[in-house]
C-alpha atoms as a PDB file:
ATOM      1  CA  UNK A   1     123.475 -29.003 101.371  1.00  0.00           C
ATOM      2  CA  UNK A   2     120.378 -28.178 102.890  1.00  0.00           C
ATOM      3  CA  UNK A   3     118.078 -25.735 101.329  1.00  0.00           C
ATOM      4  CA  UNK A   4     118.071 -22.751 103.451  1.00  0.00           C
ATOM      5  CA  UNK A   5     114.945 -20.776 103.359  1.00  0.00           C
ATOM      6  CA  UNK A   6     115.448 -17.926 101.044  1.00  0.00           C
ATOM      7  CA  UNK A   7     114.363 -14.531 101.969  1.00  0.00           C
ATOM      8  CA  UNK A   8     111.402 -13.434  99.989  1.00  0.00           C
ATOM      9  CA  UNK A   9     112.084 -10.095  98.597  1.00  0.00           C
ATOM     10  CA  UNK A  10     109.218  -7.892  97.737  1.00  0.00           C
ATOM     11  CA  UNK A  11     108.972  -6.695  94.259  1.00  0.00           C
ATOM     12  CA  UNK A  12     109.988  -3.035  94.023  1.00  0.00           C
ATOM     13  CA  UNK A  13     107.483  -0.937  92.204  1.00  0.00           C
ATOM     14  CA  UNK A  14     108.621   2.123  90.421  1.00  0.00           C
ATOM     15  CA  UNK A  15     107.072   5.083  92.112  1.00  0.00           C
ATOM     16  CA  UNK A  16     105.497   7.560  89.766  1.00  0.00           C
ATOM     17  CA  UNK A  17     104.249  10.986  90.851  1.00  0.00           C
ATOM     18  CA  UNK A  18     101.127  12.302  89.140  1.00  0.00           C
ATOM     19  CA  UNK A  19     101.683  16.021  88.592  1.00  0.00           C
ATOM     20  CA  UNK A  20      98.267  16.765  87.052  1.00  0.00           C
ATOM     21  CA  UNK A  21      96.826  18.264  90.214  1.00  0.00           C
ATOM     22  CA  UNK A  22      99.930  20.368  90.858  1.00  0.00           C
ATOM     23  CA  UNK A  23      99.805  21.774  87.302  1.00  0.00           C
ATOM     24  CA  UNK A  24      96.125  22.652  87.732  1.00  0.00           C
ATOM     25  CA  UNK A  25      96.774  24.435  91.008  1.00  0.00           C
ATOM     26  CA  UNK A  26      99.724  26.283  89.438  1.00  0.00           C
ATOM     27  CA  UNK A  27      97.556  27.585  86.623  1.00  0.00           C
ATOM     28  CA  UNK A  28      94.851  28.647  89.050  1.00  0.00           C
ATOM     29  CA  UNK A  29      97.392  30.551  91.122  1.00  0.00           C
ATOM     30  CA  UNK A  30      98.850  32.253  88.040  1.00  0.00           C
ATOM     31  CA  UNK A  31      95.363  33.312  86.932  1.00  0.00           C
ATOM     32  CA  UNK A  32      94.508  34.497  90.430  1.00  0.00           C
ATOM     33  CA  UNK A  33      97.609  36.663  90.750  1.00  0.00           C
ATOM     34  CA  UNK A  34      97.187  38.095  87.262  1.00  0.00           C
ATOM     35  CA  UNK A  35      93.590  39.046  88.104  1.00  0.00           C
ATOM     36  CA  UNK A  36      94.511  40.539  91.472  1.00  0.00           C
ATOM     37  CA  UNK A  37      97.341  42.487  89.866  1.00  0.00           C
ATOM     38  CA  UNK A  38      95.012  43.924  87.243  1.00  0.00           C
ATOM     39  CA  UNK A  39      92.294  44.829  89.712  1.00  0.00           C
ATOM     40  CA  UNK A  40      94.687  46.466  92.156  1.00  0.00           C
ATOM     41  CA  UNK A  41      95.973  48.974  89.601  1.00  0.00           C
ATOM     42  CA  UNK A  42      94.700  52.481  90.350  1.00  0.00           C
ATOM     43  CA  UNK A  43      92.090  53.523  87.845  1.00  0.00           C
ATOM     44  CA  UNK A  44      92.118  57.093  86.576  1.00  0.00           C
ATOM     45  CA  UNK A  45      89.223  59.207  85.492  1.00  0.00           C
ATOM     46  CA  UNK A  46      89.445  61.881  82.831  1.00  0.00           C
ATOM     47  CA  UNK A  47      88.425  65.222  84.237  1.00  0.00           C
ATOM     48  CA  UNK A  48      87.375  68.262  82.304  1.00  0.00           C
ATOM     49  CA  UNK A  49      88.090  71.056  84.742  1.00  0.00           C
ATOM     50  CA  UNK A  50      87.596  74.777  84.287  1.00  0.00           C
ATOM     51  CA  UNK A  51      90.509  76.921  83.208  1.00  0.00           C
ATOM     52  CA  UNK A  52      92.979  77.645  85.961  1.00  0.00           C
ATOM     53  CA  UNK A  53      93.407  81.210  84.736  1.00  0.00           C
ATOM     54  CA  UNK A  54      90.275  82.133  82.808  1.00  0.00           C
ATOM     55  CA  UNK A  55      90.440  85.162  80.592  1.00  0.00           C
ATOM     56  CA  UNK A  56      87.972  87.935  79.969  1.00  0.00           C
ATOM     57  CA  UNK A  57      86.480  87.261  76.551  1.00  0.00           C
ATOM     58  CA  UNK A  58      84.257  90.247  76.051  1.00  0.00           C
ATOM     59  CA  UNK A  59      81.730  89.373  78.730  1.00  0.00           C
ATOM     60  CA  UNK A  60      82.553  91.569  81.704  1.00  0.00           C
ATOM     61  CA  UNK A  61      79.331  90.950  83.617  1.00  0.00           C
ATOM     62  CA  UNK A  62      81.146  88.359  85.724  1.00  0.00           C
ATOM     63  CA  UNK A  63      84.243  90.381  86.416  1.00  0.00           C
ATOM     64  CA  UNK A  64      87.279  88.694  84.977  1.00  0.00           C
ATOM     65  CA  UNK A  65      85.897  85.202  85.531  1.00  0.00           C
ATOM     66  CA  UNK A  66      83.829  83.849  82.697  1.00  0.00           C
ATOM     67  CA  UNK A  67      80.906  82.291  84.609  1.00  0.00           C
ATOM     68  CA  UNK A  68      78.826  81.607  81.513  1.00  0.00           C
ATOM     69  CA  UNK A  69      79.494  77.848  81.788  1.00  0.00           C
ATOM     70  CA  UNK A  70      78.210  77.475  85.343  1.00  0.00           C
ATOM     71  CA  UNK A  71      74.961  75.676  86.096  1.00  0.00           C
ATOM     72  CA  UNK A  72      73.892  75.044  89.674  1.00  0.00           C
ATOM     73  CA  UNK A  73      71.413  72.434  90.890  1.00  0.00           C
ATOM     74  CA  UNK A  74      70.069  72.783  94.443  1.00  0.00           C
ATOM     75  CA  UNK A  75      68.430  69.682  95.917  1.00  0.00           C
ATOM     76  CA  UNK A  76      65.932  70.175  98.737  1.00  0.00           C
ATOM     77  CA  UNK A  77      63.496  68.142 100.757  1.00  0.00           C
ATOM     78  CA  UNK A  78      60.376  66.509  99.235  1.00  0.00           C
ATOM     79  CA  UNK A  79      62.061  66.096  95.826  1.00  0.00           C
ATOM     80  CA  UNK A  80      62.456  69.865  95.425  1.00  0.00           C
ATOM     81  CA  UNK A  81      64.999  70.968  92.819  1.00  0.00           C
ATOM     82  CA  UNK A  82      66.019  74.564  92.070  1.00  0.00           C
ATOM     83  CA  UNK A  83      68.352  75.415  89.192  1.00  0.00           C
ATOM     84  CA  UNK A  84      70.055  78.510  87.816  1.00  0.00           C
ATOM     85  CA  UNK A  85      72.745  79.223  85.227  1.00  0.00           C
ATOM     86  CA  UNK A  86      75.674  81.550  85.803  1.00  0.00           C
ATOM     87  CA  UNK A  87      76.362  83.115  89.161  1.00  0.00           C
ATOM     88  CA  UNK A  88      73.561  83.566  91.678  1.00  0.00           C
ATOM     89  CA  UNK A  89      74.383  87.311  91.836  1.00  0.00           C
ATOM     90  CA  UNK A  90      74.588  87.696  88.039  1.00  0.00           C
ATOM     91  CA  UNK A  91      72.401  84.886  86.733  1.00  0.00           C
ATOM     92  CA  UNK A  92      72.153  84.029  83.069  1.00  0.00           C
ATOM     93  CA  UNK A  93      69.047  82.056  83.848  1.00  0.00           C
ATOM     94  CA  UNK A  94      67.031  83.148  86.866  1.00  0.00           C
ATOM     95  CA  UNK A  95      66.622  80.520  89.632  1.00  0.00           C
ATOM     96  CA  UNK A  96      63.603  78.356  88.982  1.00  0.00           C
ATOM     97  CA  UNK A  97      62.014  75.365  90.627  1.00  0.00           C
ATOM     98  CA  UNK A  98      61.577  72.284  88.454  1.00  0.00           C
ATOM     99  CA  UNK A  99      60.851  68.593  88.846  1.00  0.00           C
ATOM    100  CA  UNK A 100      62.523  65.323  87.905  1.00  0.00           C
ATOM    101  CA  UNK A 101      60.257  64.571  84.998  1.00  0.00           C
ATOM    102  CA  UNK A 102      61.397  64.176  81.403  1.00  0.00           C
ATOM    103  CA  UNK A 103      59.973  67.592  80.519  1.00  0.00           C
ATOM    104  CA  UNK A 104      61.346  69.223  83.674  1.00  0.00           C
ATOM    105  CA  UNK A 105      64.975  68.955  84.710  1.00  0.00           C
ATOM    106  CA  UNK A 106      66.105  66.981  81.663  1.00  0.00           C
ATOM    107  CA  UNK A 107      64.737  69.503  79.185  1.00  0.00           C
ATOM    108  CA  UNK A 108      66.137  72.424  81.149  1.00  0.00           C
ATOM    109  CA  UNK A 109      69.568  70.762  81.449  1.00  0.00           C
ATOM    110  CA  UNK A 110      69.730  69.978  77.730  1.00  0.00           C
ATOM    111  CA  UNK A 111      68.637  73.543  76.828  1.00  0.00           C
ATOM    112  CA  UNK A 112      71.217  75.169  79.088  1.00  0.00           C
ATOM    113  CA  UNK A 113      74.001  72.872  77.942  1.00  0.00           C
ATOM    114  CA  UNK A 114      73.143  73.576  74.290  1.00  0.00           C
ATOM    115  CA  UNK A 115      73.285  77.333  74.924  1.00  0.00           C
ATOM    116  CA  UNK A 116      76.629  76.992  76.747  1.00  0.00           C
ATOM    117  CA  UNK A 117      78.074  74.914  73.904  1.00  0.00           C
ATOM    118  CA  UNK A 118      76.928  77.545  71.403  1.00  0.00           C
ATOM    119  CA  UNK A 119      78.479  80.321  73.519  1.00  0.00           C
ATOM    120  CA  UNK A 120      81.766  78.401  73.790  1.00  0.00           C
ATOM    121  CA  UNK A 121      81.893  77.863  70.059  1.00  0.00           C
ATOM    122  CA  UNK A 122      81.143  81.542  69.451  1.00  0.00           C
ATOM    123  CA  UNK A 123      84.115  82.660  71.554  1.00  0.00           C
ATOM    124  CA  UNK A 124      86.459  80.224  69.812  1.00  0.00           C
ATOM    125  CA  UNK A 125      86.533  77.473  72.451  1.00  0.00           C
ATOM    126  CA  UNK A 126      84.272  74.729  71.082  1.00  0.00           C
ATOM    127  CA  UNK A 127      83.153  71.590  72.904  1.00  0.00           C
ATOM    128  CA  UNK A 128      83.278  73.176  76.348  1.00  0.00           C
ATOM    129  CA  UNK A 129      79.915  72.414  77.891  1.00  0.00           C
ATOM    130  CA  UNK A 130      78.388  73.199  81.225  1.00  0.00           C
ATOM    131  CA  UNK A 131      80.165  72.999  84.564  1.00  0.00           C
ATOM    132  CA  UNK A 132      77.456  71.716  86.892  1.00  0.00           C
ATOM    133  CA  UNK A 133      77.500  72.256  90.649  1.00  0.00           C
ATOM    134  CA  UNK A 134      75.214  69.852  92.463  1.00  0.00           C
ATOM    135  CA  UNK A 135      74.355  70.996  95.960  1.00  0.00           C
ATOM    136  CA  UNK A 136      72.296  68.498  97.946  1.00  0.00           C
ATOM    137  CA  UNK A 137      70.878  69.849 101.206  1.00  0.00           C
ATOM    138  CA  UNK A 138      70.841  67.844 104.430  1.00  0.00           C
ATOM    139  CA  UNK A 139      67.129  67.232 103.899  1.00  0.00           C
ATOM    140  CA  UNK A 140      67.418  65.897 100.314  1.00  0.00           C
ATOM    141  CA  UNK A 141      67.571  62.157  99.735  1.00  0.00           C
ATOM    142  CA  UNK A 142      70.229  60.071  98.085  1.00  0.00           C
ATOM    143  CA  UNK A 143      67.923  59.022  95.241  1.00  0.00           C
ATOM    144  CA  UNK A 144      67.587  62.635  94.079  1.00  0.00           C
ATOM    145  CA  UNK A 145      71.345  62.954  93.758  1.00  0.00           C
ATOM    146  CA  UNK A 146      71.502  59.727  91.771  1.00  0.00           C
ATOM    147  CA  UNK A 147      68.710  61.003  89.497  1.00  0.00           C
ATOM    148  CA  UNK A 148      70.635  64.218  88.823  1.00  0.00           C
ATOM    149  CA  UNK A 149      73.858  62.283  88.107  1.00  0.00           C
ATOM    150  CA  UNK A 150      71.955  60.049  85.685  1.00  0.00           C
ATOM    151  CA  UNK A 151      70.538  63.070  83.894  1.00  0.00           C
ATOM    152  CA  UNK A 152      74.080  64.491  83.562  1.00  0.00           C
ATOM    153  CA  UNK A 153      75.227  61.204  82.066  1.00  0.00           C
ATOM    154  CA  UNK A 154      72.342  61.207  79.584  1.00  0.00           C
ATOM    155  CA  UNK A 155      73.142  64.826  78.615  1.00  0.00           C
ATOM    156  CA  UNK A 156      76.832  63.829  78.206  1.00  0.00           C
ATOM    157  CA  UNK A 157      77.970  66.431  80.752  1.00  0.00           C
ATOM    158  CA  UNK A 158      81.151  65.184  82.361  1.00  0.00           C
ATOM    159  CA  UNK A 159      82.207  68.261  84.313  1.00  0.00           C
ATOM    160  CA  UNK A 160      80.392  68.411  87.628  1.00  0.00           C
ATOM    161  CA  UNK A 161      81.033  68.655  91.325  1.00  0.00           C
ATOM    162  CA  UNK A 162      78.971  67.651  94.331  1.00  0.00           C
ATOM    163  CA  UNK A 163      79.246  70.451  96.890  1.00  0.00           C
ATOM    164  CA  UNK A 164      77.801  70.389 100.387  1.00  0.00           C
ATOM    165  CA  UNK A 165      78.077  74.129 101.116  1.00  0.00           C
ATOM    166  CA  UNK A 166      75.224  76.547 100.602  1.00  0.00           C
ATOM    167  CA  UNK A 167      75.272  80.319 100.536  1.00  0.00           C
ATOM    168  CA  UNK A 168      72.587  82.005 102.631  1.00  0.00           C
ATOM    169  CA  UNK A 169      70.815  83.060  99.425  1.00  0.00           C
ATOM    170  CA  UNK A 170      70.720  79.477  98.181  1.00  0.00           C
ATOM    171  CA  UNK A 171      69.306  78.341 101.518  1.00  0.00           C
ATOM    172  CA  UNK A 172      66.541  80.958 101.118  1.00  0.00           C
ATOM    173  CA  UNK A 173      65.835  79.705  97.570  1.00  0.00           C
ATOM    174  CA  UNK A 174      65.310  76.150  98.822  1.00  0.00           C
ATOM    175  CA  UNK A 175      63.173  77.324 101.766  1.00  0.00           C
ATOM    176  CA  UNK A 176      60.832  79.405  99.585  1.00  0.00           C
ATOM    177  CA  UNK A 177      57.824  77.805  97.914  1.00  0.00           C
END
């Protein structure tokens, strides 16, 4: 018998899949989606708003609304700042022009907030500080608003509103020198 040429069979190698890269990508995707899920949750802010139905507590100078917690900051051009406490028509503190220095607005803000806290404690409603209305004019700059917000943060006043409407009397206050 003749030797027939035998077919040479290749040696079969066992294929082995390396899953290291796939595991790494899986963990990265899990971390990514956990982070995106956490960042996409709506964040809430605690607000300390005025009473919906304020009561008359012995101070009738403001009608039935107790305006003793109000403090208004008017921002004008050329770094002008005018403040008053209470209502403009029945002010607790007369409107006055101040500046952004440490001894200006900061001192005035801390003094007014201290008086408001004392008043709130005296009427049986402690820890109710000032409600600040910030009214930047069209001619004020953004930096002034940021400075006022920083002063509110330093004074630990968390109840404030930025309002873009001026009464005619407030416009006259900012226009006067």
